[in-house]
Amino acid sequence: MEFQSQPGRLWAEDSSGKLIAEITFPEEKPGVANINHTFVDGSLRGQGVAGQLVQGAVDQLRERNLKAVATCSYAVKWFDSHPDQRDILDA
């Protein structure tokens, strides 16, 4: 799935423009973004889209030299199962 991107947000829309997937990660303090929201439409559940969103957010944050905190429950769980990506988390 290809996502649209802007600083602090990745998302996808269907052909009618309906939002079908989104992750938000605004910079809440200098150098640290909060991964605070993940949404995947029911039609896409079970296809790994949420994981792609979190990985995309992590990639964008690395490119911007930012650290992250995760307050979204899905992102917290994702980092638990991806210990190799935890270096981006703000200690």
C-alpha atoms as a PDB file:
ATOM      1  CA  MET A   1       0.000   0.000   0.000  1.00  0.00           C
ATOM      2  CA  GLU A   2       1.262   3.444  -0.865  1.00  0.00           C
ATOM      3  CA  PHE A   3       0.799   6.159   1.725  1.00  0.00           C
ATOM      4  CA  GLN A   4       0.573   9.894   1.362  1.00  0.00           C
ATOM      5  CA  SER A   5       2.967  11.735   3.606  1.00  0.00           C
ATOM      6  CA  GLN A   6       3.515  15.012   5.371  1.00  0.00           C
ATOM      7  CA  PRO A   7       5.630  15.725   8.451  1.00  0.00           C
ATOM      8  CA  GLY A   8       4.008  13.915  11.369  1.00  0.00           C
ATOM      9  CA  ARG A   9       1.387  12.048   9.352  1.00  0.00           C
ATOM     10  CA  LEU A  10       1.029   9.158   6.906  1.00  0.00           C
ATOM     11  CA  TRP A  11      -2.319   8.157   5.420  1.00  0.00           C
ATOM     12  CA  ALA A  12      -4.122   6.425   2.604  1.00  0.00           C
ATOM     13  CA  GLU A  13      -7.446   7.104   0.965  1.00  0.00           C
ATOM     14  CA  ASP A  14      -9.587   4.894  -1.220  1.00  0.00           C
ATOM     15  CA  SER A  15     -10.573   5.849  -4.768  1.00  0.00           C
ATOM     16  CA  SER A  16     -13.443   7.992  -3.474  1.00  0.00           C
ATOM     17  CA  GLY A  17     -11.184   9.961  -1.117  1.00  0.00           C
ATOM     18  CA  LYS A  18     -12.328   8.195   2.062  1.00  0.00           C
ATOM     19  CA  LEU A  19      -9.624   7.878   4.715  1.00  0.00           C
ATOM     20  CA  ILE A  20      -8.783   4.182   5.098  1.00  0.00           C
ATOM     21  CA  ALA A  21      -5.502   4.238   7.040  1.00  0.00           C
ATOM     22  CA  GLU A  22      -3.646   6.842   9.095  1.00  0.00           C
ATOM     23  CA  ILE A  23      -0.929   7.335  11.663  1.00  0.00           C
ATOM     24  CA  THR A  24      -0.115  10.634  13.338  1.00  0.00           C
ATOM     25  CA  PHE A  25       3.107  11.505  15.116  1.00  0.00           C
ATOM     26  CA  PRO A  26       3.424  15.228  15.758  1.00  0.00           C
ATOM     27  CA  GLU A  27       6.586  16.707  17.211  1.00  0.00           C
ATOM     28  CA  GLU A  28       5.442  17.543  20.740  1.00  0.00           C
ATOM     29  CA  LYS A  29       8.716  18.872  22.083  1.00  0.00           C
ATOM     30  CA  PRO A  30      11.937  19.742  20.300  1.00  0.00           C
ATOM     31  CA  GLY A  31      13.399  16.591  18.806  1.00  0.00           C
ATOM     32  CA  VAL A  32      10.657  14.224  20.052  1.00  0.00           C
ATOM     33  CA  ALA A  33       7.496  13.155  18.235  1.00  0.00           C
ATOM     34  CA  ASN A  34       4.547  11.356  19.800  1.00  0.00           C
ATOM     35  CA  ILE A  35       3.158   8.402  17.850  1.00  0.00           C
ATOM     36  CA  ASN A  36      -0.320   9.031  19.175  1.00  0.00           C
ATOM     37  CA  HIS A  37      -2.870   7.600  16.736  1.00  0.00           C
ATOM     38  CA  THR A  38      -3.174   4.689  14.323  1.00  0.00           C
ATOM     39  CA  PHE A  39      -6.306   3.960  12.324  1.00  0.00           C
ATOM     40  CA  VAL A  40      -6.999   1.185   9.819  1.00  0.00           C
ATOM     41  CA  ASP A  41     -10.383   0.759   8.166  1.00  0.00           C
ATOM     42  CA  GLY A  42     -12.087  -2.558   8.868  1.00  0.00           C
ATOM     43  CA  SER A  43     -11.766  -3.535   5.205  1.00  0.00           C
ATOM     44  CA  LEU A  44      -7.965  -3.613   5.592  1.00  0.00           C
ATOM     45  CA  ARG A  45      -7.616  -5.252   8.998  1.00  0.00           C
ATOM     46  CA  GLY A  46      -5.423  -8.327   9.208  1.00  0.00           C
ATOM     47  CA  GLN A  47      -3.321  -7.281   6.216  1.00  0.00           C
ATOM     48  CA  GLY A  48      -0.398  -5.739   8.107  1.00  0.00           C
ATOM     49  CA  VAL A  49      -1.364  -2.164   7.254  1.00  0.00           C
ATOM     50  CA  ALA A  50      -1.023  -0.880  10.833  1.00  0.00           C
ATOM     51  CA  GLY A  51       2.493  -2.298  11.025  1.00  0.00           C
ATOM     52  CA  GLN A  52       3.359  -0.643   7.715  1.00  0.00           C
ATOM     53  CA  LEU A  53       2.110   2.650   9.109  1.00  0.00           C
ATOM     54  CA  VAL A  54       4.255   2.412  12.242  1.00  0.00           C
ATOM     55  CA  GLN A  55       7.318   1.394  10.218  1.00  0.00           C
ATOM     56  CA  GLY A  56       6.687   4.318   7.865  1.00  0.00           C
ATOM     57  CA  ALA A  57       6.448   6.695  10.818  1.00  0.00           C
ATOM     58  CA  VAL A  58       9.700   5.330  12.263  1.00  0.00           C
ATOM     59  CA  ASP A  59      11.405   5.736   8.880  1.00  0.00           C
ATOM     60  CA  GLN A  60      10.178   9.326   8.564  1.00  0.00           C
ATOM     61  CA  LEU A  61      11.297  10.153  12.109  1.00  0.00           C
ATOM     62  CA  ARG A  62      14.765   8.701  11.422  1.00  0.00           C
ATOM     63  CA  GLU A  63      15.034  10.821   8.263  1.00  0.00           C
ATOM     64  CA  ARG A  64      14.138  13.899  10.316  1.00  0.00           C
ATOM     65  CA  ASN A  65      16.561  12.918  13.133  1.00  0.00           C
ATOM     66  CA  LEU A  66      13.758  12.805  15.685  1.00  0.00           C
ATOM     67  CA  LYS A  67      13.158  10.483  18.618  1.00  0.00           C
ATOM     68  CA  ALA A  68       9.716   9.129  19.465  1.00  0.00           C
ATOM     69  CA  VAL A  69       7.416   8.324  22.329  1.00  0.00           C
ATOM     70  CA  ALA A  70       4.504   6.006  21.700  1.00  0.00           C
ATOM     71  CA  THR A  71       1.164   6.704  23.338  1.00  0.00           C
ATOM     72  CA  CYS A  72      -0.910   4.851  20.746  1.00  0.00           C
ATOM     73  CA  SER A  73      -1.619   1.361  22.122  1.00  0.00           C
ATOM     74  CA  TYR A  74      -0.889  -0.283  18.770  1.00  0.00           C
ATOM     75  CA  ALA A  75       2.475   1.493  18.452  1.00  0.00           C
ATOM     76  CA  VAL A  76       3.433   0.445  21.993  1.00  0.00           C
ATOM     77  CA  LYS A  77       2.666  -3.184  21.083  1.00  0.00           C
ATOM     78  CA  TRP A  78       4.535  -2.839  17.771  1.00  0.00           C
ATOM     79  CA  PHE A  79       7.707  -1.630  19.507  1.00  0.00           C
ATOM     80  CA  ASP A  80       7.421  -4.543  21.964  1.00  0.00           C
ATOM     81  CA  SER A  81       7.560  -6.951  19.039  1.00  0.00           C
ATOM     82  CA  HIS A  82      10.237  -4.999  17.112  1.00  0.00           C
ATOM     83  CA  PRO A  83      13.097  -4.553  19.590  1.00  0.00           C
ATOM     84  CA  ASP A  84      15.470  -3.683  16.747  1.00  0.00           C
ATOM     85  CA  GLN A  85      13.502  -0.441  16.235  1.00  0.00           C
ATOM     86  CA  ARG A  86      13.454   0.695  19.869  1.00  0.00           C
ATOM     87  CA  ASP A  87      16.579   2.821  19.462  1.00  0.00           C
ATOM     88  CA  ILE A  88      14.324   5.558  18.115  1.00  0.00           C
ATOM     89  CA  LEU A  89      12.388   5.739  21.383  1.00  0.00           C
ATOM     90  CA  ASP A  90      13.163   8.655  23.665  1.00  0.00           C
ATOM     91  CA  ALA A  91      14.623   7.266  26.889  1.00  0.00           C
END
